[in-house]
C-alpha atoms as a PDB file:
ATOM      1  CA  MET A   1      21.315  -7.099  10.419  1.00  0.00           C
ATOM      2  CA  THR A   2      23.361  -3.369  10.329  1.00  0.00           C
ATOM      3  CA  ASP A   3      22.374  -0.737  12.809  1.00  0.00           C
ATOM      4  CA  ARG A   4      21.426   2.194  10.610  1.00  0.00           C
ATOM      5  CA  ALA A   5      19.533   4.045  13.313  1.00  0.00           C
ATOM      6  CA  GLN A   6      21.300   6.991  12.651  1.00  0.00           C
ATOM      7  CA  ASP A   7      20.979   7.618   9.148  1.00  0.00           C
ATOM      8  CA  GLU A   8      18.525   9.960   7.936  1.00  0.00           C
ATOM      9  CA  ARG A   9      17.685   9.298   4.548  1.00  0.00           C
ATOM     10  CA  ILE A  10      13.933   8.780   3.051  1.00  0.00           C
ATOM     11  CA  THR A  11      13.783   4.756   3.498  1.00  0.00           C
ATOM     12  CA  PHE A  12       9.693   4.390   2.750  1.00  0.00           C
ATOM     13  CA  LYS A  13       7.351   6.282   0.209  1.00  0.00           C
ATOM     14  CA  VAL A  14       3.885   6.564   2.182  1.00  0.00           C
ATOM     15  CA  TRP A  15       0.900   6.755  -0.424  1.00  0.00           C
ATOM     16  CA  ASN A  16      -2.744   7.634   0.678  1.00  0.00           C
ATOM     17  CA  PRO A  17      -2.572   7.473   4.589  1.00  0.00           C
ATOM     18  CA  VAL A  18      -6.195   7.721   5.953  1.00  0.00           C
ATOM     19  CA  VAL A  19      -7.140   8.713  10.197  1.00  0.00           C
ATOM     20  CA  PHE A  20     -10.089   7.133  11.345  1.00  0.00           C
ATOM     21  CA  GLN A  21     -11.770   7.596  14.876  1.00  0.00           C
ATOM     22  CA  ASP A  22     -14.281   5.533  16.324  1.00  0.00           C
ATOM     23  CA  GLY A  23     -15.102   7.005  20.008  1.00  0.00           C
ATOM     24  CA  SER A  24     -11.962   6.429  22.129  1.00  0.00           C
ATOM     25  CA  ALA A  25      -9.745   4.915  19.465  1.00  0.00           C
ATOM     26  CA  THR A  26      -8.043   6.388  16.522  1.00  0.00           C
ATOM     27  CA  TRP A  27      -5.661   4.459  14.089  1.00  0.00           C
ATOM     28  CA  CYS A  28      -4.194   4.765  10.446  1.00  0.00           C
ATOM     29  CA  GLU A  29      -4.103   2.942   7.214  1.00  0.00           C
ATOM     30  CA  MET A  30      -1.763   3.737   4.594  1.00  0.00           C
ATOM     31  CA  ASP A  31       0.657   1.730   2.080  1.00  0.00           C
ATOM     32  CA  VAL A  32       4.091   1.655   2.068  1.00  0.00           C
ATOM     33  CA  THR A  33       6.420   1.300  -0.824  1.00  0.00           C
ATOM     34  CA  SER A  34      10.546   0.753  -0.096  1.00  0.00           C
ATOM     35  CA  ILE A  35      13.276   3.026  -1.325  1.00  0.00           C
ATOM     36  CA  GLY A  36      16.253   1.163  -1.848  1.00  0.00           C
ATOM     37  CA  ASP A  37      17.211  -2.184  -0.004  1.00  0.00           C
ATOM     38  CA  CYS A  38      14.161  -0.796   2.951  1.00  0.00           C
ATOM     39  CA  LEU A  39      11.768  -3.528   3.146  1.00  0.00           C
ATOM     40  CA  LEU A  40       9.054  -4.040   5.527  1.00  0.00           C
ATOM     41  CA  ASN A  41       8.341  -7.674   7.806  1.00  0.00           C
ATOM     42  CA  GLU A  42       6.641  -7.610  10.976  1.00  0.00           C
ATOM     43  CA  GLY A  43       7.743  -3.899  12.199  1.00  0.00           C
ATOM     44  CA  ASP A  44       7.985  -3.261  15.336  1.00  0.00           C
ATOM     45  CA  GLU A  45       6.589   0.022  17.998  1.00  0.00           C
ATOM     46  CA  LEU A  46       9.676   2.957  16.493  1.00  0.00           C
ATOM     47  CA  LEU A  47       9.091   1.783  12.971  1.00  0.00           C
ATOM     48  CA  ALA A  48       5.156   2.323  13.515  1.00  0.00           C
ATOM     49  CA  LYS A  49       5.775   5.143  15.786  1.00  0.00           C
ATOM     50  CA  ASN A  50       7.739   7.097  13.201  1.00  0.00           C
ATOM     51  CA  PHE A  51       5.343   6.554  10.163  1.00  0.00           C
ATOM     52  CA  VAL A  52       2.727   8.121  12.485  1.00  0.00           C
ATOM     53  CA  ALA A  53       5.023  11.179  13.876  1.00  0.00           C
ATOM     54  CA  GLU A  54       6.338  11.933  10.105  1.00  0.00           C
ATOM     55  CA  ILE A  55       3.085  11.549   8.083  1.00  0.00           C
ATOM     56  CA  VAL A  56      -0.050  11.559  10.505  1.00  0.00           C
ATOM     57  CA  ALA A  57       0.402  12.838  14.166  1.00  0.00           C
ATOM     58  CA  PRO A  58       3.352  14.623  16.367  1.00  0.00           C
ATOM     59  CA  ASN A  59       4.629  11.924  19.325  1.00  0.00           C
ATOM     60  CA  PRO A  60       1.827   9.496  19.143  1.00  0.00           C
ATOM     61  CA  THR A  61       1.442   6.375  21.570  1.00  0.00           C
ATOM     62  CA  VAL A  62       1.750   3.589  19.394  1.00  0.00           C
ATOM     63  CA  ILE A  63      -1.199   0.883  20.662  1.00  0.00           C
ATOM     64  CA  ALA A  64      -0.742  -1.738  18.199  1.00  0.00           C
ATOM     65  CA  TRP A  65       0.319  -2.556  14.291  1.00  0.00           C
ATOM     66  CA  HIS A  66      -0.443  -4.743  11.639  1.00  0.00           C
ATOM     67  CA  ILE A  67       2.144  -4.839   8.238  1.00  0.00           C
ATOM     68  CA  ASP A  68       0.477  -6.845   5.333  1.00  0.00           C
ATOM     69  CA  ARG A  69       2.262  -7.495   2.225  1.00  0.00           C
ATOM     70  CA  PHE A  70       0.753  -7.154  -1.559  1.00  0.00           C
ATOM     71  CA  ARG A  71       1.797  -6.882  -5.061  1.00  0.00           C
ATOM     72  CA  SER A  72       0.240  -3.978  -7.246  1.00  0.00           C
ATOM     73  CA  PRO A  73       0.639  -1.566 -10.595  1.00  0.00           C
ATOM     74  CA  TYR A  74      -0.654   0.853  -8.771  1.00  0.00           C
ATOM     75  CA  TYR A  75       2.655   2.121  -7.362  1.00  0.00           C
ATOM     76  CA  SER A  76       5.161   1.178  -9.498  1.00  0.00           C
ATOM     77  CA  ASP A  77       7.217   3.559 -11.296  1.00  0.00           C
ATOM     78  CA  TYR A  78       7.654   0.864 -14.294  1.00  0.00           C
ATOM     79  CA  PRO A  79       4.206  -0.197 -14.734  1.00  0.00           C
ATOM     80  CA  GLN A  80       5.037  -1.114 -18.792  1.00  0.00           C
ATOM     81  CA  HIS A  81       8.167  -3.460 -17.844  1.00  0.00           C
ATOM     82  CA  ASN A  82       8.796  -6.403 -19.631  1.00  0.00           C
ATOM     83  CA  ASP A  83       9.555  -8.173 -16.071  1.00  0.00           C
ATOM     84  CA  TRP A  84       6.083  -8.679 -13.542  1.00  0.00           C
ATOM     85  CA  ARG A  85       8.593  -7.541 -10.867  1.00  0.00           C
ATOM     86  CA  GLY A  86       8.811  -4.319 -12.257  1.00  0.00           C
ATOM     87  CA  ARG A  87       5.044  -3.894 -12.787  1.00  0.00           C
ATOM     88  CA  LEU A  88       4.003  -5.462  -9.825  1.00  0.00           C
ATOM     89  CA  ALA A  89       5.542  -3.119  -7.119  1.00  0.00           C
ATOM     90  CA  LEU A  90       6.560  -4.995  -4.066  1.00  0.00           C
ATOM     91  CA  THR A  91       3.986  -2.948  -1.362  1.00  0.00           C
ATOM     92  CA  TRP A  92       2.754  -3.346   2.419  1.00  0.00           C
ATOM     93  CA  ARG A  93      -0.409  -2.370   3.737  1.00  0.00           C
ATOM     94  CA  VAL A  94       0.472  -1.028   7.279  1.00  0.00           C
ATOM     95  CA  ARG A  95      -3.002  -0.304  10.174  1.00  0.00           C
ATOM     96  CA  ILE A  96      -1.461   1.249  13.134  1.00  0.00           C
ATOM     97  CA  ASP A  97      -3.411   1.993  16.064  1.00  0.00           C
ATOM     98  CA  PHE A  98      -2.421   5.041  18.537  1.00  0.00           C
ATOM     99  CA  SER A  99      -3.196   7.731  20.741  1.00  0.00           C
ATOM    100  CA  GLY A 100      -2.354  11.010  20.834  1.00  0.00           C
ATOM    101  CA  THR A 101      -4.185  14.343  18.293  1.00  0.00           C
ATOM    102  CA  ALA A 102      -4.328  13.361  14.687  1.00  0.00           C
ATOM    103  CA  PRO A 103      -4.332  16.952  13.724  1.00  0.00           C
ATOM    104  CA  THR A 104      -6.360  16.148  10.272  1.00  0.00           C
ATOM    105  CA  LEU A 105      -9.081  12.928  10.290  1.00  0.00           C
ATOM    106  CA  GLY A 106     -10.021  11.155   6.674  1.00  0.00           C
ATOM    107  CA  HIS A 107      -7.974  11.117   3.280  1.00  0.00           C
ATOM    108  CA  ILE A 108      -4.459  12.877   4.238  1.00  0.00           C
ATOM    109  CA  GLY A 109      -3.321  13.045   0.746  1.00  0.00           C
ATOM    110  CA  SER A 110      -2.315  10.723  -2.370  1.00  0.00           C
ATOM    111  CA  GLY A 111       1.400  11.005  -1.451  1.00  0.00           C
ATOM    112  CA  PRO A 112       3.872   9.822  -1.516  1.00  0.00           C
ATOM    113  CA  PHE A 113       5.301  10.747   1.338  1.00  0.00           C
ATOM    114  CA  GLY A 114       8.842  10.610   2.602  1.00  0.00           C
ATOM    115  CA  ALA A 115       9.065   8.016   5.706  1.00  0.00           C
ATOM    116  CA  THR A 116      12.515   7.557   7.437  1.00  0.00           C
ATOM    117  CA  ALA A 117      12.656   4.125   9.321  1.00  0.00           C
ATOM    118  CA  TRP A 118      14.038   0.544   9.748  1.00  0.00           C
ATOM    119  CA  ASP A 119      12.294  -2.198  10.191  1.00  0.00           C
ATOM    120  CA  PRO A 120      14.651  -4.782  13.247  1.00  0.00           C
ATOM    121  CA  THR A 121      12.807  -7.669  12.021  1.00  0.00           C
ATOM    122  CA  PHE A 122      13.797  -7.485   8.360  1.00  0.00           C
ATOM    123  CA  ASP A 123      16.147 -10.361   7.958  1.00  0.00           C
ATOM    124  CA  ALA A 124      17.778  -9.693   4.232  1.00  0.00           C
ATOM    125  CA  ASP A 125      19.553 -13.334   4.181  1.00  0.00           C
ATOM    126  CA  THR A 126      16.313 -14.782   4.525  1.00  0.00           C
ATOM    127  CA  LEU A 127      13.124 -12.347   3.282  1.00  0.00           C
ATOM    128  CA  LEU A 128      15.006 -10.820   0.011  1.00  0.00           C
ATOM    129  CA  VAL A 129      13.705 -13.797  -2.326  1.00  0.00           C
ATOM    130  CA  ASP A 130      10.829 -13.480  -4.460  1.00  0.00           C
ATOM    131  CA  ARG A 131       7.875 -15.101  -3.536  1.00  0.00           C
ATOM    132  CA  THR A 132       6.533 -18.075  -5.782  1.00  0.00           C
ATOM    133  CA  ILE A 133       3.079 -17.423  -3.774  1.00  0.00           C
ATOM    134  CA  GLU A 134       1.789 -13.451  -3.050  1.00  0.00           C
ATOM    135  CA  ARG A 135      -1.021 -11.742  -2.785  1.00  0.00           C
ATOM    136  CA  CYS A 136      -2.049  -9.036  -5.678  1.00  0.00           C
ATOM    137  CA  ILE A 137      -4.610  -6.114  -5.229  1.00  0.00           C
ATOM    138  CA  ILE A 138      -5.026  -3.958  -8.321  1.00  0.00           C
ATOM    139  CA  LEU A 139      -5.840  -0.168  -7.140  1.00  0.00           C
ATOM    140  CA  CYS A 140      -8.602   1.750  -9.048  1.00  0.00           C
ATOM    141  CA  GLN A 141      -9.091   5.453  -8.811  1.00  0.00           C
ATOM    142  CA  ILE A 142     -12.732   5.950  -8.871  1.00  0.00           C
ATOM    143  CA  SER A 143     -14.708   9.334  -9.006  1.00  0.00           C
ATOM    144  CA  GLY A 144     -18.253   8.023  -8.877  1.00  0.00           C
ATOM    145  CA  ILE A 145     -21.394   5.894  -8.875  1.00  0.00           C
ATOM    146  CA  ASP A 146     -20.428   5.546 -12.911  1.00  0.00           C
ATOM    147  CA  ASP A 147     -16.790   4.399 -12.581  1.00  0.00           C
ATOM    148  CA  VAL A 148     -17.806   2.209  -9.446  1.00  0.00           C
ATOM    149  CA  VAL A 149     -20.650   0.347 -12.664  1.00  0.00           C
ATOM    150  CA  LEU A 150     -17.427   0.250 -14.982  1.00  0.00           C
ATOM    151  CA  LEU A 151     -15.260  -1.102 -12.105  1.00  0.00           C
ATOM    152  CA  GLU A 152     -17.671  -3.997 -11.407  1.00  0.00           C
ATOM    153  CA  ASN A 153     -17.498  -4.370 -15.242  1.00  0.00           C
ATOM    154  CA  CYS A 154     -13.832  -5.623 -14.611  1.00  0.00           C
ATOM    155  CA  ILE A 155     -13.904  -8.620 -12.526  1.00  0.00           C
ATOM    156  CA  GLN A 156     -16.217 -11.659 -12.036  1.00  0.00           C
ATOM    157  CA  ALA A 157     -16.399 -11.737  -8.215  1.00  0.00           C
ATOM    158  CA  PRO A 158     -17.348  -7.906  -7.317  1.00  0.00           C
ATOM    159  CA  ARG A 159     -17.415  -9.124  -3.969  1.00  0.00           C
ATOM    160  CA  ALA A 160     -13.433  -8.781  -4.080  1.00  0.00           C
ATOM    161  CA  ILE A 161     -13.761  -4.922  -4.747  1.00  0.00           C
ATOM    162  CA  GLU A 162     -13.179  -2.541  -1.369  1.00  0.00           C
ATOM    163  CA  TYR A 163     -15.000   0.112  -2.044  1.00  0.00           C
ATOM    164  CA  PRO A 164     -12.480   3.472  -0.527  1.00  0.00           C
ATOM    165  CA  ALA A 165     -14.221   5.719   2.828  1.00  0.00           C
ATOM    166  CA  HIS A 166     -12.749   8.687   1.616  1.00  0.00           C
ATOM    167  CA  ALA A 167     -13.010  10.535  -1.460  1.00  0.00           C
ATOM    168  CA  GLY A 168      -9.714  10.405  -3.388  1.00  0.00           C
ATOM    169  CA  VAL A 169      -8.484   6.860  -2.218  1.00  0.00           C
ATOM    170  CA  PRO A 170      -8.125   4.072  -4.701  1.00  0.00           C
ATOM    171  CA  ALA A 171     -10.680   1.481  -4.620  1.00  0.00           C
ATOM    172  CA  ARG A 172      -8.640  -2.202  -4.378  1.00  0.00           C
ATOM    173  CA  ILE A 173      -9.465  -5.707  -6.281  1.00  0.00           C
ATOM    174  CA  ASN A 174      -8.286  -8.222  -4.104  1.00  0.00           C
ATOM    175  CA  LEU A 175      -7.252 -11.134  -6.471  1.00  0.00           C
ATOM    176  CA  GLY A 176      -5.676 -12.839  -3.683  1.00  0.00           C
ATOM    177  CA  GLU A 177      -2.940 -15.279  -3.535  1.00  0.00           C
ATOM    178  CA  VAL A 178      -1.811 -15.975  -6.548  1.00  0.00           C
ATOM    179  CA  ASP A 179       1.372 -18.022  -7.998  1.00  0.00           C
ATOM    180  CA  LEU A 180       3.826 -15.494  -9.846  1.00  0.00           C
ATOM    181  CA  PRO A 181       5.160 -15.660 -12.694  1.00  0.00           C
ATOM    182  CA  ALA A 182       2.415 -18.556 -13.914  1.00  0.00           C
ATOM    183  CA  ASP A 183      -0.539 -16.114 -12.791  1.00  0.00           C
ATOM    184  CA  VAL A 184       0.785 -12.680 -14.022  1.00  0.00           C
ATOM    185  CA  GLU A 185      -1.093 -12.996 -17.514  1.00  0.00           C
ATOM    186  CA  ARG A 186      -4.493 -13.753 -14.946  1.00  0.00           C
ATOM    187  CA  VAL A 187      -2.956 -10.716 -13.424  1.00  0.00           C
ATOM    188  CA  ASP A 188      -2.447  -8.786 -16.433  1.00  0.00           C
ATOM    189  CA  ARG A 189      -6.002  -9.316 -17.924  1.00  0.00           C
ATOM    190  CA  VAL A 190      -7.337  -7.604 -14.754  1.00  0.00           C
ATOM    191  CA  ILE A 191      -5.549  -4.606 -15.405  1.00  0.00           C
ATOM    192  CA  SER A 192      -6.112  -4.403 -18.849  1.00  0.00           C
ATOM    193  CA  ALA A 193      -9.652  -4.796 -18.341  1.00  0.00           C
ATOM    194  CA  CYS A 194      -9.820  -2.072 -15.901  1.00  0.00           C
ATOM    195  CA  GLN A 195      -7.406   0.432 -18.068  1.00  0.00           C
ATOM    196  CA  ALA A 196     -10.123  -0.367 -21.804  1.00  0.00           C
ATOM    197  CA  GLN A 197     -12.831   1.236 -19.285  1.00  0.00           C
ATOM    198  CA  GLY A 198     -10.846   4.295 -18.497  1.00  0.00           C
ATOM    199  CA  LEU A 199      -9.903   3.563 -15.229  1.00  0.00           C
ATOM    200  CA  ARG A 200      -6.529   4.219 -13.862  1.00  0.00           C
ATOM    201  CA  THR A 201      -4.658   1.734 -12.388  1.00  0.00           C
ATOM    202  CA  ASN A 202      -1.385   3.677 -11.850  1.00  0.00           C
ATOM    203  CA  TRP A 203      -0.503   6.300  -9.584  1.00  0.00           C
ATOM    204  CA  ALA A 204       1.314   8.318 -12.433  1.00  0.00           C
ATOM    205  CA  SER A 205      -1.251   7.647 -15.509  1.00  0.00           C
ATOM    206  CA  TYR A 206      -3.504  10.594 -15.995  1.00  0.00           C
END
């Protein structure tokens, strides 16, 4: 892969970063989408440090990181696109454990926040391919117990719902691994059910 370390353009959007602290342990969790041809794989220490330094805390010492890939309509810029790849944005869930001073704990903001980083473990020749099997997560903005009831009406398996620890962070319906495009209608049905209940399934829809 070409060395782009000197390129200072923004390469990723960071959404809903949350900082947690439990005793001496500090970590952050965030959703990340790409700008252009910048994608994530396993990541490395420098990539993790750049995310933390730009969004969460200056001069962090990265202890560990983990990246999970999924697709979601919430971060799509084209939620009505005819192609499922446009409607279901490629997204990564990133957790980074670090030490250092975090000015803010909890939900930092909805975003998107721009970040400049490169993943040297991403190989476009082998990884820039549509996957048949993808994890799919439907995010919904909820604001109280009434919305929780509405959300649980949208899916037959309420245990698949992950509720946010902080106000302003979307709830997550984890549909698990789905076969795309064969199962895209199943995904669309859940999205439509949420929208029919008045729940927001896309960041730009108010």
